[in-house]
């Protein structure tokens, strides 16, 4: 049996199951060369492009510009494996969770585009 490489691992959409398997195999932190540009859970698929994110829920899709926009749109603040995996995935692409002491500022413009 051969050991998969991180480039092979990268081809698998990241989500709660992949996060659990990686942690069980002793890799709770995925190195950059193993990070998938797709997040997938039962009701959500998010794909990262060079300068945008596409969120698909069922037959609807929208384009968002930043990982912070994705975090707001998906409301990934709750507990549970799906939200934890999504927060980890968003951090890979530059999202910084809001600090607990500072209130979240109101957005000055909407960056969501329905397609």
C-alpha atoms as a PDB file:
ATOM      1  CA  UNK A   1       0.000   0.000   0.000  1.00  0.00           C
ATOM      2  CA  UNK A   2       1.343   3.425  -0.916  1.00  0.00           C
ATOM      3  CA  UNK A   3       1.000   6.506   1.223  1.00  0.00           C
ATOM      4  CA  UNK A   4      -1.011   9.281  -0.431  1.00  0.00           C
ATOM      5  CA  UNK A   5       0.756  12.556  -1.061  1.00  0.00           C
ATOM      6  CA  UNK A   6      -0.560  15.942   0.027  1.00  0.00           C
ATOM      7  CA  UNK A   7      -1.238  16.825  -3.614  1.00  0.00           C
ATOM      8  CA  UNK A   8      -3.529  13.781  -3.819  1.00  0.00           C
ATOM      9  CA  UNK A   9      -5.173  14.764  -0.531  1.00  0.00           C
ATOM     10  CA  UNK A  10      -5.756  18.276  -1.904  1.00  0.00           C
ATOM     11  CA  UNK A  11      -8.040  16.822  -4.597  1.00  0.00           C
ATOM     12  CA  UNK A  12     -10.567  15.742  -1.919  1.00  0.00           C
ATOM     13  CA  UNK A  13     -13.079  18.457  -0.958  1.00  0.00           C
ATOM     14  CA  UNK A  14     -12.460  19.485   2.651  1.00  0.00           C
ATOM     15  CA  UNK A  15     -15.296  19.105   5.127  1.00  0.00           C
ATOM     16  CA  UNK A  16     -16.135  17.664   8.532  1.00  0.00           C
ATOM     17  CA  UNK A  17     -15.486  14.050   7.508  1.00  0.00           C
ATOM     18  CA  UNK A  18     -12.128  14.843   5.925  1.00  0.00           C
ATOM     19  CA  UNK A  19     -11.156  16.893   8.999  1.00  0.00           C
ATOM     20  CA  UNK A  20     -12.047  13.939  11.255  1.00  0.00           C
ATOM     21  CA  UNK A  21     -10.085  11.461   9.120  1.00  0.00           C
ATOM     22  CA  UNK A  22      -7.034  13.752   8.968  1.00  0.00           C
ATOM     23  CA  UNK A  23      -7.126  14.211  12.769  1.00  0.00           C
ATOM     24  CA  UNK A  24      -7.485  10.440  13.292  1.00  0.00           C
ATOM     25  CA  UNK A  25      -4.433   9.892  11.095  1.00  0.00           C
ATOM     26  CA  UNK A  26      -2.420  12.358  13.189  1.00  0.00           C
ATOM     27  CA  UNK A  27      -2.676  15.365  10.845  1.00  0.00           C
ATOM     28  CA  UNK A  28      -5.040  17.858  12.504  1.00  0.00           C
ATOM     29  CA  UNK A  29      -3.209  20.656  10.662  1.00  0.00           C
ATOM     30  CA  UNK A  30      -3.198  20.281   6.891  1.00  0.00           C
ATOM     31  CA  UNK A  31      -0.118  21.843   5.231  1.00  0.00           C
ATOM     32  CA  UNK A  32      -0.696  24.361   2.410  1.00  0.00           C
ATOM     33  CA  UNK A  33       0.178  21.802  -0.272  1.00  0.00           C
ATOM     34  CA  UNK A  34      -2.687  19.556   0.965  1.00  0.00           C
ATOM     35  CA  UNK A  35      -5.435  22.180   1.271  1.00  0.00           C
ATOM     36  CA  UNK A  36      -8.421  21.722  -1.008  1.00  0.00           C
ATOM     37  CA  UNK A  37      -9.937  24.772  -2.678  1.00  0.00           C
ATOM     38  CA  UNK A  38     -13.374  23.205  -2.154  1.00  0.00           C
ATOM     39  CA  UNK A  39     -15.332  22.858   1.079  1.00  0.00           C
ATOM     40  CA  UNK A  40     -18.199  20.380   1.090  1.00  0.00           C
ATOM     41  CA  UNK A  41     -20.814  19.416   3.644  1.00  0.00           C
ATOM     42  CA  UNK A  42     -24.220  17.753   3.106  1.00  0.00           C
ATOM     43  CA  UNK A  43     -26.029  21.026   2.286  1.00  0.00           C
ATOM     44  CA  UNK A  44     -23.210  23.296   1.156  1.00  0.00           C
ATOM     45  CA  UNK A  45     -20.409  23.445  -1.407  1.00  0.00           C
ATOM     46  CA  UNK A  46     -17.976  26.356  -1.436  1.00  0.00           C
ATOM     47  CA  UNK A  47     -15.340  26.695  -4.132  1.00  0.00           C
ATOM     48  CA  UNK A  48     -12.480  29.171  -3.892  1.00  0.00           C
ATOM     49  CA  UNK A  49     -11.383  30.956  -7.045  1.00  0.00           C
ATOM     50  CA  UNK A  50      -8.418  33.316  -7.315  1.00  0.00           C
ATOM     51  CA  UNK A  51     -10.377  36.382  -6.154  1.00  0.00           C
ATOM     52  CA  UNK A  52     -13.803  35.064  -5.148  1.00  0.00           C
ATOM     53  CA  UNK A  53     -15.784  32.257  -3.535  1.00  0.00           C
ATOM     54  CA  UNK A  54     -18.794  30.462  -5.038  1.00  0.00           C
ATOM     55  CA  UNK A  55     -21.329  29.142  -2.545  1.00  0.00           C
ATOM     56  CA  UNK A  56     -23.811  26.506  -3.696  1.00  0.00           C
ATOM     57  CA  UNK A  57     -26.843  25.487  -1.669  1.00  0.00           C
ATOM     58  CA  UNK A  58     -29.074  23.115  -3.587  1.00  0.00           C
ATOM     59  CA  UNK A  59     -29.970  24.805  -6.876  1.00  0.00           C
ATOM     60  CA  UNK A  60     -28.923  28.299  -5.713  1.00  0.00           C
ATOM     61  CA  UNK A  61     -25.462  29.783  -6.001  1.00  0.00           C
ATOM     62  CA  UNK A  62     -23.872  33.106  -5.162  1.00  0.00           C
ATOM     63  CA  UNK A  63     -20.454  34.702  -5.503  1.00  0.00           C
ATOM     64  CA  UNK A  64     -18.746  36.340  -2.535  1.00  0.00           C
ATOM     65  CA  UNK A  65     -15.471  38.223  -2.593  1.00  0.00           C
ATOM     66  CA  UNK A  66     -13.806  37.529   0.754  1.00  0.00           C
ATOM     67  CA  UNK A  67     -13.592  34.731   3.317  1.00  0.00           C
ATOM     68  CA  UNK A  68     -15.197  37.126   5.822  1.00  0.00           C
ATOM     69  CA  UNK A  69     -18.189  37.452   3.471  1.00  0.00           C
ATOM     70  CA  UNK A  70     -18.415  33.650   3.336  1.00  0.00           C
ATOM     71  CA  UNK A  71     -18.271  33.421   7.141  1.00  0.00           C
ATOM     72  CA  UNK A  72     -21.076  35.971   7.442  1.00  0.00           C
ATOM     73  CA  UNK A  73     -23.196  34.295   4.773  1.00  0.00           C
ATOM     74  CA  UNK A  74     -22.806  30.791   6.203  1.00  0.00           C
ATOM     75  CA  UNK A  75     -23.064  31.885   9.860  1.00  0.00           C
ATOM     76  CA  UNK A  76     -20.322  29.420  10.818  1.00  0.00           C
ATOM     77  CA  UNK A  77     -20.109  30.658  14.399  1.00  0.00           C
ATOM     78  CA  UNK A  78     -21.886  27.740  16.068  1.00  0.00           C
ATOM     79  CA  UNK A  79     -20.356  24.588  17.458  1.00  0.00           C
ATOM     80  CA  UNK A  80     -20.267  21.237  15.776  1.00  0.00           C
ATOM     81  CA  UNK A  81     -17.932  19.520  13.340  1.00  0.00           C
ATOM     82  CA  UNK A  82     -19.248  21.211  10.184  1.00  0.00           C
ATOM     83  CA  UNK A  83     -18.851  24.742  11.533  1.00  0.00           C
ATOM     84  CA  UNK A  84     -15.429  23.927  12.987  1.00  0.00           C
ATOM     85  CA  UNK A  85     -14.241  22.472   9.667  1.00  0.00           C
ATOM     86  CA  UNK A  86     -15.610  25.489   7.780  1.00  0.00           C
ATOM     87  CA  UNK A  87     -13.853  27.922  10.125  1.00  0.00           C
ATOM     88  CA  UNK A  88     -10.587  26.016   9.632  1.00  0.00           C
ATOM     89  CA  UNK A  89     -11.021  26.068   5.850  1.00  0.00           C
ATOM     90  CA  UNK A  90     -11.802  29.804   5.833  1.00  0.00           C
ATOM     91  CA  UNK A  91      -8.697  30.515   7.950  1.00  0.00           C
ATOM     92  CA  UNK A  92      -6.597  28.809   5.253  1.00  0.00           C
ATOM     93  CA  UNK A  93      -7.783  31.486   2.821  1.00  0.00           C
ATOM     94  CA  UNK A  94      -7.236  34.496   5.062  1.00  0.00           C
ATOM     95  CA  UNK A  95     -10.281  34.720   7.329  1.00  0.00           C
ATOM     96  CA  UNK A  96      -9.630  36.026  10.799  1.00  0.00           C
ATOM     97  CA  UNK A  97     -12.382  35.329  13.296  1.00  0.00           C
ATOM     98  CA  UNK A  98     -13.690  38.450  15.001  1.00  0.00           C
ATOM     99  CA  UNK A  99     -12.296  38.969  18.468  1.00  0.00           C
ATOM    100  CA  UNK A 100     -14.730  38.393  21.299  1.00  0.00           C
ATOM    101  CA  UNK A 101     -14.050  41.799  22.820  1.00  0.00           C
ATOM    102  CA  UNK A 102     -14.621  43.938  19.724  1.00  0.00           C
ATOM    103  CA  UNK A 103     -18.083  44.269  18.170  1.00  0.00           C
ATOM    104  CA  UNK A 104     -18.424  43.320  14.526  1.00  0.00           C
ATOM    105  CA  UNK A 105     -18.675  46.467  12.369  1.00  0.00           C
ATOM    106  CA  UNK A 106     -21.604  46.820  10.012  1.00  0.00           C
ATOM    107  CA  UNK A 107     -20.624  46.205   6.375  1.00  0.00           C
ATOM    108  CA  UNK A 108     -20.412  49.331   4.249  1.00  0.00           C
ATOM    109  CA  UNK A 109     -21.445  47.530   1.071  1.00  0.00           C
ATOM    110  CA  UNK A 110     -22.880  44.201   0.083  1.00  0.00           C
ATOM    111  CA  UNK A 111     -20.537  41.891  -1.818  1.00  0.00           C
ATOM    112  CA  UNK A 112     -22.978  39.060  -2.546  1.00  0.00           C
ATOM    113  CA  UNK A 113     -23.980  38.434  -6.159  1.00  0.00           C
ATOM    114  CA  UNK A 114     -26.723  35.947  -6.975  1.00  0.00           C
ATOM    115  CA  UNK A 115     -26.043  33.936 -10.125  1.00  0.00           C
END
